[in-house]
Amino acid sequence: MTVLTDRFDEALAYASRLHRTQIRKGSEIPYVSHLLGVASIALENGANEDQAIAALLHDAVEDQGGAEQLETIRAKFGNSVAEMVDHCTDCDVEPKPPWRQRKEDYIDSLSHKPVSSLMVSLADKTHNASAIVTDLISHGASVWDRFTGGRDGTLWYYDKLAAEFERLTPGHAASRLSRAVKDMQSHEQNSRSVERPS
């Protein structure tokens, strides 16, 4: 059983402060909802406290301060947490490389990361995929306009992610992402069928 201590409480408060002014893409939902969702999925998948803390802070480097923020996390929560947060970071340089290149590089990098970090990344992608499915059901195809990769790029990316996590971390957690991605693809196919006159 994972025991959460005051360190987790501190990370939760820190994540809330860091991301307080952010909202989820294309919505008015506070961004912290995503961080809580990722931590929840990570814990459901068997995360230890360091992984749960990294789940709360996984976007801090990318969104809130780059390399300097990573060193702050290291000082506050230790090397293990900092390493996992670093491994979850898509890109911490400005200007960012083109979207497709970043995503291909991220997918390629997964095979070089430890399982401890992969499980945090997997929880992140699972929450994102599930949120996309929920939004597709609620708002329809306009959801794709929120994403730099658009419909085709986003579907490609999540399909590749699901396959890579199934290969690297087979089991219930990876299957959960695969199911969410299948739901995403199924909803998209159904909406395309409705769009086409018979």
Protein backbone atom coordinates (compact mmCIF):
# COMPACT_ATOMS: atom_id res chain seq x y z
CA MET A 1 0.00 0.00 0.00
CA THR A 2 1.27 3.46 -0.88
CA VAL A 3 1.48 5.78 2.12
CA LEU A 4 1.26 9.50 1.36
CA THR A 5 3.04 11.84 3.75
CA ASP A 6 3.41 15.58 4.26
CA ARG A 7 5.65 15.63 1.16
CA PHE A 8 2.62 14.83 -0.99
CA ASP A 9 0.60 17.56 0.74
CA GLU A 10 3.42 20.04 0.07
CA ALA A 11 3.59 19.00 -3.59
CA LEU A 12 -0.17 19.39 -3.95
CA ALA A 13 -0.06 22.92 -2.56
CA TYR A 14 2.99 23.77 -4.67
CA ALA A 15 1.38 22.46 -7.88
CA SER A 16 -1.78 24.42 -7.12
CA ARG A 17 0.19 27.64 -6.67
CA LEU A 18 2.27 27.07 -9.81
CA HIS A 19 -0.68 26.40 -12.11
CA ARG A 20 -3.34 28.55 -10.41
CA THR A 21 -3.90 30.88 -13.37
CA GLN A 22 -3.98 28.13 -16.01
CA ILE A 23 -7.08 26.50 -17.46
CA ARG A 24 -7.52 23.33 -19.51
CA LYS A 25 -7.17 23.82 -23.25
CA GLY A 26 -10.45 25.00 -24.80
CA SER A 27 -12.33 25.11 -21.50
CA GLU A 28 -12.80 27.05 -18.28
CA ILE A 29 -11.72 24.12 -16.11
CA PRO A 30 -8.85 24.92 -13.73
CA TYR A 31 -5.66 23.22 -14.92
CA VAL A 32 -5.09 21.68 -11.51
CA SER A 33 -7.94 19.26 -12.35
CA HIS A 34 -5.58 17.59 -14.84
CA LEU A 35 -2.78 17.33 -12.28
CA LEU A 36 -5.16 15.78 -9.74
CA GLY A 37 -6.44 13.38 -12.40
CA VAL A 38 -2.94 12.27 -13.36
CA ALA A 39 -1.97 11.73 -9.72
CA SER A 40 -5.18 9.77 -9.17
CA ILE A 41 -4.55 7.49 -12.16
CA ALA A 42 -0.91 7.01 -11.13
CA LEU A 43 -1.97 5.96 -7.62
CA GLU A 44 -4.66 3.64 -9.01
CA ASN A 45 -1.94 2.07 -11.16
CA GLY A 46 0.25 1.44 -8.10
CA ALA A 47 2.43 4.56 -7.90
CA ASN A 48 4.63 5.20 -4.90
CA GLU A 49 4.73 8.62 -3.24
CA ASP A 50 7.56 9.96 -5.42
CA GLN A 51 5.63 8.99 -8.55
CA ALA A 52 2.45 10.57 -7.20
CA ILE A 53 4.36 13.79 -6.47
CA ALA A 54 5.92 13.72 -9.95
CA ALA A 55 2.40 13.28 -11.36
CA LEU A 56 1.31 16.49 -9.64
CA LEU A 57 4.37 18.34 -10.94
CA HIS A 58 4.79 16.71 -14.36
CA ASP A 59 3.96 19.90 -16.30
CA ALA A 60 5.78 22.35 -14.03
CA VAL A 61 9.01 22.47 -16.03
CA GLU A 62 7.32 22.81 -19.40
CA ASP A 63 4.72 25.36 -18.28
CA GLN A 64 6.26 27.17 -15.32
CA GLY A 65 9.95 27.93 -15.54
CA GLY A 66 12.03 25.43 -17.50
CA ALA A 67 15.37 24.22 -16.11
CA GLU A 68 15.24 26.62 -13.16
CA GLN A 69 11.91 25.15 -12.08
CA LEU A 70 13.37 21.63 -12.35
CA GLU A 71 16.12 22.58 -9.90
CA THR A 72 13.54 24.03 -7.51
CA ILE A 73 11.63 20.74 -7.65
CA ARG A 74 14.87 18.84 -7.02
CA ALA A 75 15.60 20.97 -3.94
CA LYS A 76 12.05 20.64 -2.58
CA PHE A 77 11.23 17.01 -3.40
CA GLY A 78 14.49 15.22 -4.24
CA ASN A 79 16.33 13.74 -7.21
CA SER A 80 13.89 10.90 -7.87
CA VAL A 81 10.93 13.26 -8.31
CA ALA A 82 12.98 15.70 -10.38
CA GLU A 83 14.15 12.93 -12.72
CA MET A 84 10.59 11.74 -13.33
CA VAL A 85 9.35 15.28 -13.95
CA ASP A 86 12.22 15.83 -16.38
CA HIS A 87 11.35 12.61 -18.21
CA CYS A 88 7.73 13.75 -18.56
CA THR A 89 8.75 17.06 -20.12
CA ASP A 90 8.04 17.26 -23.85
CA CYS A 91 10.23 20.31 -24.41
CA ASP A 92 11.69 22.97 -22.13
CA VAL A 93 13.35 25.20 -24.73
CA GLU A 94 12.00 28.25 -26.56
CA PRO A 95 11.18 28.43 -29.35
CA LYS A 96 9.83 24.89 -29.37
CA PRO A 97 10.64 22.66 -32.36
CA PRO A 98 7.76 21.89 -34.76
CA TRP A 99 4.89 19.89 -33.24
CA ARG A 100 5.38 16.67 -35.23
CA GLN A 101 9.12 16.57 -34.55
CA ARG A 102 8.55 17.08 -30.81
CA LYS A 103 6.02 14.27 -30.68
CA GLU A 104 8.17 11.87 -32.68
CA ASP A 105 11.15 12.66 -30.44
CA TYR A 106 9.03 12.11 -27.33
CA ILE A 107 7.77 8.73 -28.54
CA ASP A 108 11.31 7.67 -29.46
CA SER A 109 12.57 8.74 -26.03
CA LEU A 110 10.19 6.48 -24.11
CA SER A 111 12.27 3.35 -24.64
CA HIS A 112 15.23 5.04 -22.89
CA LYS A 113 13.32 5.99 -19.74
CA PRO A 114 12.98 3.97 -16.51
CA VAL A 115 9.67 2.30 -15.72
CA SER A 116 9.19 4.64 -12.74
CA SER A 117 9.05 7.61 -15.13
CA LEU A 118 7.04 5.75 -17.76
CA MET A 119 4.26 5.10 -15.26
CA VAL A 120 3.91 8.84 -14.60
CA SER A 121 3.90 9.62 -18.33
CA LEU A 122 1.37 6.85 -18.88
CA ALA A 123 -0.97 8.32 -16.27
CA ASP A 124 -0.65 11.73 -17.95
CA LYS A 125 -1.48 10.39 -21.41
CA THR A 126 -4.34 8.29 -20.03
CA HIS A 127 -5.96 11.31 -18.40
CA ASN A 128 -5.49 13.39 -21.55
CA ALA A 129 -6.98 10.70 -23.80
CA SER A 130 -9.96 10.20 -21.48
CA ALA A 131 -10.55 13.96 -21.37
CA ILE A 132 -10.51 14.12 -25.18
CA VAL A 133 -13.13 11.35 -25.36
CA THR A 134 -15.34 13.15 -22.83
CA ASP A 135 -15.02 16.41 -24.76
CA LEU A 136 -15.77 14.71 -28.09
CA ILE A 137 -18.98 13.33 -26.61
CA SER A 138 -19.93 16.74 -25.17
CA HIS A 139 -18.73 19.10 -27.90
CA GLY A 140 -18.20 17.09 -31.08
CA ALA A 141 -15.51 17.49 -33.71
CA SER A 142 -14.78 21.12 -32.79
CA VAL A 143 -12.60 19.66 -30.01
CA TRP A 144 -9.88 18.92 -32.58
CA ASP A 145 -9.44 22.65 -33.21
CA ARG A 146 -7.83 22.94 -29.75
CA PHE A 147 -4.87 20.81 -30.74
CA THR A 148 -1.84 21.91 -32.73
CA GLY A 149 -1.79 18.55 -34.50
CA GLY A 150 -5.49 18.77 -35.38
CA ARG A 151 -7.64 15.67 -35.66
CA ASP A 152 -5.29 13.53 -37.75
CA GLY A 153 -2.14 14.46 -35.86
CA THR A 154 -3.73 13.93 -32.46
CA LEU A 155 -5.16 10.54 -33.43
CA TRP A 156 -1.77 9.51 -34.86
CA TYR A 157 0.04 10.61 -31.70
CA TYR A 158 -2.20 8.78 -29.26
CA ASP A 159 -2.25 5.64 -31.37
CA LYS A 160 1.58 5.60 -31.36
CA LEU A 161 1.70 6.33 -27.63
CA ALA A 162 -0.70 3.50 -26.79
CA ALA A 163 1.30 1.01 -28.86
CA GLU A 164 4.59 2.08 -27.29
CA PHE A 165 3.29 1.92 -23.72
CA GLU A 166 1.77 -1.52 -24.40
CA ARG A 167 5.22 -2.64 -25.60
CA LEU A 168 7.21 -1.07 -22.77
CA THR A 169 4.83 -1.46 -19.80
CA PRO A 170 2.38 -4.26 -20.63
CA GLY A 171 -0.45 -4.71 -18.16
CA HIS A 172 -3.59 -3.08 -16.79
CA ALA A 173 -2.25 0.49 -16.83
CA ALA A 174 -1.22 0.39 -20.50
CA SER A 175 -4.49 -1.33 -21.42
CA ARG A 176 -6.38 1.54 -19.81
CA LEU A 177 -4.69 4.01 -22.17
CA SER A 178 -5.32 1.72 -25.15
CA ARG A 179 -9.03 1.55 -24.30
CA ALA A 180 -9.25 5.34 -24.08
CA VAL A 181 -7.50 5.68 -27.45
CA LYS A 182 -9.85 3.10 -29.01
CA ASP A 183 -12.80 5.07 -27.64
CA MET A 184 -11.33 8.22 -29.21
CA GLN A 185 -10.90 6.49 -32.58
CA SER A 186 -14.35 4.90 -32.40
CA HIS A 187 -16.03 8.22 -31.64
CA GLU A 188 -14.18 9.82 -34.54
CA GLN A 189 -15.21 7.05 -36.96
CA ASN A 190 -18.82 7.31 -35.83
CA SER A 191 -18.86 11.09 -36.26
CA ARG A 192 -17.40 10.76 -39.76
CA SER A 193 -20.10 8.24 -40.66
CA VAL A 194 -22.77 10.70 -39.52
CA GLU A 195 -21.15 13.46 -41.60
CA ARG A 196 -21.30 11.38 -44.79
CA PRO A 197 -24.74 11.26 -46.44
CA SER A 198 -25.86 7.71 -47.21
